[in-house]
Amino acid sequence: MATEPPSSVDSTGDNTIVVSPGANGRVDVSTAQRHQDVIREARVLGLCMEVSSDAVEAAARIAHDACTRMVFNNSDSTPSRLRGSWRRSTSCRQRA
């Protein structure tokens, strides 16, 4: 059975999601590097800021170099957390 993340409600009735890094706290650049073959062969790579920005950047670079489409969820982040160099658009050869 799937479990929902814990949430709480404040005195005004607004809900908040309680974040505990768990396994995401262990994702780093070496994780992206170890899985680069999977990233390169993927049709789409989903990225989110629930892991370190260095890990996101490393995975994005691998995906970009392989012309893997990326979907980015900026959750738990602000754009300033990303250095931006991997976001520069360059022409990508389409896969055969």
N, C-alpha and C. Protein backbone atom coordinates (compact mmCIF):
# COMPACT_ATOMS: atom_id res chain seq x y z
N MET A 1 0.84 -1.16 0.00
CA MET A 1 0.00 0.00 0.00
C MET A 1 0.89 1.24 0.00
N ALA A 2 0.63 2.17 -0.89
CA ALA A 2 1.39 3.42 -0.96
C ALA A 2 1.03 4.30 0.22
N THR A 3 2.03 5.00 0.73
CA THR A 3 1.78 5.92 1.83
C THR A 3 1.99 7.35 1.37
N GLU A 4 1.21 8.25 1.88
CA GLU A 4 1.32 9.66 1.57
C GLU A 4 2.34 10.29 2.50
N PRO A 5 3.04 11.36 2.06
CA PRO A 5 3.96 12.04 2.97
C PRO A 5 3.18 12.67 4.11
N PRO A 6 3.78 12.73 5.30
CA PRO A 6 3.08 13.36 6.42
C PRO A 6 2.76 14.82 6.11
N SER A 7 1.63 15.28 6.57
CA SER A 7 1.28 16.67 6.39
C SER A 7 0.71 17.20 7.69
N SER A 8 0.65 18.51 7.78
CA SER A 8 0.09 19.13 8.98
C SER A 8 -0.73 20.33 8.53
N VAL A 9 -1.58 20.80 9.42
CA VAL A 9 -2.41 21.96 9.14
C VAL A 9 -2.10 23.01 10.19
N ASP A 10 -1.82 24.26 9.73
CA ASP A 10 -1.50 25.32 10.70
C ASP A 10 -2.78 25.97 11.23
N SER A 11 -2.62 26.95 12.09
CA SER A 11 -3.76 27.57 12.75
C SER A 11 -4.71 28.30 11.79
N THR A 12 -4.24 28.61 10.58
CA THR A 12 -5.11 29.28 9.60
C THR A 12 -5.78 28.29 8.65
N GLY A 13 -5.48 27.01 8.81
CA GLY A 13 -6.08 26.00 7.96
C GLY A 13 -5.27 25.64 6.73
N ASP A 14 -4.10 26.27 6.55
CA ASP A 14 -3.23 25.94 5.42
C ASP A 14 -2.47 24.66 5.74
N ASN A 15 -2.38 23.78 4.75
CA ASN A 15 -1.63 22.56 4.98
C ASN A 15 -0.18 22.72 4.54
N THR A 16 0.69 21.94 5.14
CA THR A 16 2.10 21.91 4.78
C THR A 16 2.52 20.46 4.67
N ILE A 17 3.49 20.19 3.85
CA ILE A 17 4.03 18.84 3.72
C ILE A 17 5.32 18.79 4.52
N VAL A 18 5.44 17.79 5.35
CA VAL A 18 6.63 17.61 6.17
C VAL A 18 7.65 16.84 5.34
N VAL A 19 8.84 17.40 5.18
CA VAL A 19 9.87 16.78 4.34
C VAL A 19 10.93 16.13 5.22
N SER A 20 11.23 14.90 4.90
CA SER A 20 12.33 14.17 5.53
C SER A 20 13.17 13.62 4.39
N PRO A 21 14.43 14.04 4.28
CA PRO A 21 15.22 13.71 3.09
C PRO A 21 15.35 12.21 2.79
N GLY A 22 15.46 11.38 3.80
CA GLY A 22 15.56 9.94 3.56
C GLY A 22 16.56 9.60 2.48
N ALA A 23 16.14 8.76 1.54
CA ALA A 23 17.04 8.31 0.46
C ALA A 23 17.48 9.46 -0.43
N ASN A 24 16.62 10.47 -0.65
CA ASN A 24 17.01 11.59 -1.50
C ASN A 24 18.22 12.33 -0.95
N GLY A 25 18.43 12.30 0.35
CA GLY A 25 19.59 12.94 0.96
C GLY A 25 20.90 12.28 0.58
N ARG A 26 20.81 11.09 0.03
CA ARG A 26 22.02 10.34 -0.36
C ARG A 26 22.34 10.46 -1.84
N VAL A 27 21.47 11.08 -2.61
CA VAL A 27 21.70 11.23 -4.05
C VAL A 27 22.70 12.36 -4.27
N ASP A 28 23.79 12.04 -4.97
CA ASP A 28 24.82 13.03 -5.25
C ASP A 28 25.33 12.87 -6.68
N VAL A 29 26.37 13.59 -7.02
CA VAL A 29 26.92 13.55 -8.38
C VAL A 29 27.31 12.12 -8.77
N SER A 30 27.90 11.38 -7.84
CA SER A 30 28.33 10.02 -8.17
C SER A 30 27.13 9.13 -8.51
N THR A 31 25.97 9.42 -7.95
CA THR A 31 24.76 8.66 -8.28
C THR A 31 24.41 8.87 -9.75
N ALA A 32 24.44 10.11 -10.20
CA ALA A 32 24.16 10.41 -11.61
C ALA A 32 25.20 9.74 -12.51
N GLN A 33 26.45 9.80 -12.10
CA GLN A 33 27.51 9.20 -12.91
C GLN A 33 27.37 7.69 -12.99
N ARG A 34 27.00 7.05 -11.88
CA ARG A 34 26.81 5.59 -11.88
C ARG A 34 25.66 5.17 -12.79
N HIS A 35 24.68 6.05 -12.96
CA HIS A 35 23.50 5.72 -13.76
C HIS A 35 23.49 6.42 -15.12
N GLN A 36 24.66 6.86 -15.58
CA GLN A 36 24.69 7.62 -16.83
C GLN A 36 24.23 6.82 -18.04
N ASP A 37 24.46 5.51 -18.07
CA ASP A 37 23.97 4.72 -19.21
C ASP A 37 22.45 4.72 -19.27
N VAL A 38 21.81 4.61 -18.11
CA VAL A 38 20.34 4.63 -18.05
C VAL A 38 19.83 6.00 -18.47
N ILE A 39 20.48 7.06 -18.00
CA ILE A 39 20.06 8.43 -18.35
C ILE A 39 20.21 8.65 -19.85
N ARG A 40 21.32 8.20 -20.42
CA ARG A 40 21.56 8.40 -21.85
C ARG A 40 20.55 7.66 -22.72
N GLU A 41 20.10 6.49 -22.27
CA GLU A 41 19.18 5.70 -23.06
C GLU A 41 17.71 6.06 -22.82
N ALA A 42 17.45 6.87 -21.80
CA ALA A 42 16.08 7.24 -21.48
C ALA A 42 15.50 8.16 -22.55
N ARG A 43 14.21 8.09 -22.74
CA ARG A 43 13.54 9.03 -23.65
C ARG A 43 13.28 10.35 -22.94
N VAL A 44 12.99 10.27 -21.61
CA VAL A 44 12.73 11.45 -20.81
C VAL A 44 13.35 11.25 -19.43
N LEU A 45 13.95 12.30 -18.90
CA LEU A 45 14.50 12.28 -17.55
C LEU A 45 13.76 13.30 -16.71
N GLY A 46 13.16 12.86 -15.62
CA GLY A 46 12.49 13.76 -14.69
C GLY A 46 13.47 14.23 -13.64
N LEU A 47 13.54 15.53 -13.44
CA LEU A 47 14.46 16.12 -12.46
C LEU A 47 13.67 16.96 -11.46
N CYS A 48 14.10 16.95 -10.20
CA CYS A 48 13.47 17.80 -9.20
C CYS A 48 14.52 18.24 -8.19
N MET A 49 14.23 19.28 -7.47
CA MET A 49 15.19 19.84 -6.53
C MET A 49 15.06 19.24 -5.13
N GLU A 50 14.54 18.03 -5.05
CA GLU A 50 14.48 17.34 -3.77
C GLU A 50 15.77 16.60 -3.49
N VAL A 51 16.71 16.67 -4.42
CA VAL A 51 18.07 16.15 -4.23
C VAL A 51 19.03 17.33 -4.41
N SER A 52 20.30 17.10 -4.21
CA SER A 52 21.27 18.21 -4.30
C SER A 52 21.30 18.82 -5.69
N SER A 53 21.52 20.12 -5.75
CA SER A 53 21.59 20.80 -7.04
C SER A 53 22.77 20.29 -7.86
N ASP A 54 23.85 19.87 -7.22
CA ASP A 54 24.98 19.29 -7.96
C ASP A 54 24.58 18.00 -8.65
N ALA A 55 23.78 17.17 -7.97
CA ALA A 55 23.31 15.92 -8.57
C ALA A 55 22.38 16.20 -9.75
N VAL A 56 21.49 17.19 -9.57
CA VAL A 56 20.58 17.56 -10.65
C VAL A 56 21.37 18.06 -11.86
N GLU A 57 22.35 18.90 -11.60
CA GLU A 57 23.16 19.44 -12.70
C GLU A 57 23.92 18.33 -13.42
N ALA A 58 24.49 17.39 -12.66
CA ALA A 58 25.24 16.29 -13.28
C ALA A 58 24.32 15.44 -14.16
N ALA A 59 23.15 15.10 -13.66
CA ALA A 59 22.20 14.31 -14.44
C ALA A 59 21.74 15.08 -15.68
N ALA A 60 21.50 16.38 -15.52
CA ALA A 60 21.06 17.20 -16.65
C ALA A 60 22.14 17.30 -17.73
N ARG A 61 23.37 17.41 -17.33
CA ARG A 61 24.47 17.46 -18.31
C ARG A 61 24.53 16.16 -19.11
N ILE A 62 24.42 15.03 -18.40
CA ILE A 62 24.46 13.73 -19.07
C ILE A 62 23.29 13.64 -20.05
N ALA A 63 22.11 14.01 -19.60
CA ALA A 63 20.92 13.95 -20.45
C ALA A 63 21.05 14.89 -21.65
N HIS A 64 21.52 16.08 -21.41
CA HIS A 64 21.67 17.05 -22.51
C HIS A 64 22.63 16.53 -23.56
N ASP A 65 23.76 16.01 -23.12
CA ASP A 65 24.76 15.49 -24.07
C ASP A 65 24.21 14.33 -24.90
N ALA A 66 23.24 13.60 -24.35
CA ALA A 66 22.65 12.46 -25.05
C ALA A 66 21.35 12.83 -25.76
N CYS A 67 20.98 14.10 -25.75
CA CYS A 67 19.72 14.56 -26.35
C CYS A 67 18.50 13.91 -25.69
N THR A 68 18.63 13.60 -24.42
CA THR A 68 17.50 13.07 -23.65
C THR A 68 16.64 14.23 -23.21
N ARG A 69 15.36 14.17 -23.49
CA ARG A 69 14.43 15.22 -23.08
C ARG A 69 14.34 15.25 -21.56
N MET A 70 14.26 16.46 -21.00
CA MET A 70 14.18 16.60 -19.55
C MET A 70 12.90 17.33 -19.16
N VAL A 71 12.34 16.89 -18.05
CA VAL A 71 11.20 17.57 -17.43
C VAL A 71 11.68 17.98 -16.04
N PHE A 72 11.61 19.27 -15.77
CA PHE A 72 12.15 19.80 -14.52
C PHE A 72 11.03 20.30 -13.61
N ASN A 73 11.00 19.78 -12.39
CA ASN A 73 10.06 20.22 -11.37
C ASN A 73 10.87 21.04 -10.37
N ASN A 74 10.62 22.32 -10.32
CA ASN A 74 11.39 23.22 -9.47
C ASN A 74 10.93 23.19 -8.01
N SER A 75 10.31 22.10 -7.60
CA SER A 75 9.81 22.00 -6.24
C SER A 75 10.95 22.15 -5.24
N ASP A 76 10.62 22.75 -4.14
CA ASP A 76 11.57 22.91 -3.04
C ASP A 76 12.82 23.66 -3.48
N SER A 77 12.67 24.66 -4.32
CA SER A 77 13.85 25.34 -4.82
C SER A 77 13.52 26.73 -5.33
N THR A 78 14.58 27.46 -5.54
CA THR A 78 14.50 28.73 -6.26
C THR A 78 15.50 28.64 -7.40
N PRO A 79 15.27 29.34 -8.49
CA PRO A 79 16.20 29.25 -9.63
C PRO A 79 17.64 29.57 -9.27
N SER A 80 17.86 30.36 -8.25
CA SER A 80 19.23 30.73 -7.90
C SER A 80 20.04 29.53 -7.40
N ARG A 81 19.37 28.45 -7.01
CA ARG A 81 20.10 27.26 -6.56
C ARG A 81 20.83 26.59 -7.71
N LEU A 82 20.40 26.86 -8.92
CA LEU A 82 21.04 26.24 -10.08
C LEU A 82 22.03 27.19 -10.70
N ARG A 83 23.18 26.67 -11.06
CA ARG A 83 24.21 27.52 -11.66
C ARG A 83 23.85 27.95 -13.07
N GLY A 84 23.07 27.15 -13.75
CA GLY A 84 22.56 27.57 -15.05
C GLY A 84 23.38 27.20 -16.25
N SER A 85 24.62 26.78 -16.09
CA SER A 85 25.44 26.51 -17.27
C SER A 85 24.87 25.37 -18.10
N TRP A 86 24.26 24.38 -17.48
CA TRP A 86 23.71 23.25 -18.23
C TRP A 86 22.42 23.63 -18.93
N ARG A 87 21.82 24.76 -18.53
CA ARG A 87 20.56 25.17 -19.14
C ARG A 87 20.76 25.89 -20.45
N ARG A 88 21.98 26.24 -20.79
CA ARG A 88 22.20 26.93 -22.05
C ARG A 88 21.79 26.01 -23.19
N SER A 89 21.04 26.53 -24.06
CA SER A 89 20.52 25.72 -25.15
C SER A 89 21.56 25.59 -26.25
N THR A 90 21.82 24.37 -26.64
CA THR A 90 22.67 24.11 -27.80
C THR A 90 21.92 23.13 -28.68
N SER A 91 22.25 23.14 -29.93
CA SER A 91 21.59 22.26 -30.86
C SER A 91 21.88 20.82 -30.50
N CYS A 92 20.88 19.99 -30.63
CA CYS A 92 21.02 18.59 -30.28
C CYS A 92 20.59 17.75 -31.47
N ARG A 93 21.42 16.81 -31.85
CA ARG A 93 21.04 15.93 -32.95
C ARG A 93 19.93 15.00 -32.48
N GLN A 94 18.93 14.85 -33.29
CA GLN A 94 17.84 13.96 -32.95
C GLN A 94 18.30 12.52 -33.05
N ARG A 95 17.75 11.68 -32.18
CA ARG A 95 18.09 10.26 -32.24
C ARG A 95 17.50 9.62 -33.48
N ALA A 96 18.20 8.65 -33.98
CA ALA A 96 17.72 7.93 -35.18
C ALA A 96 16.57 7.02 -34.84
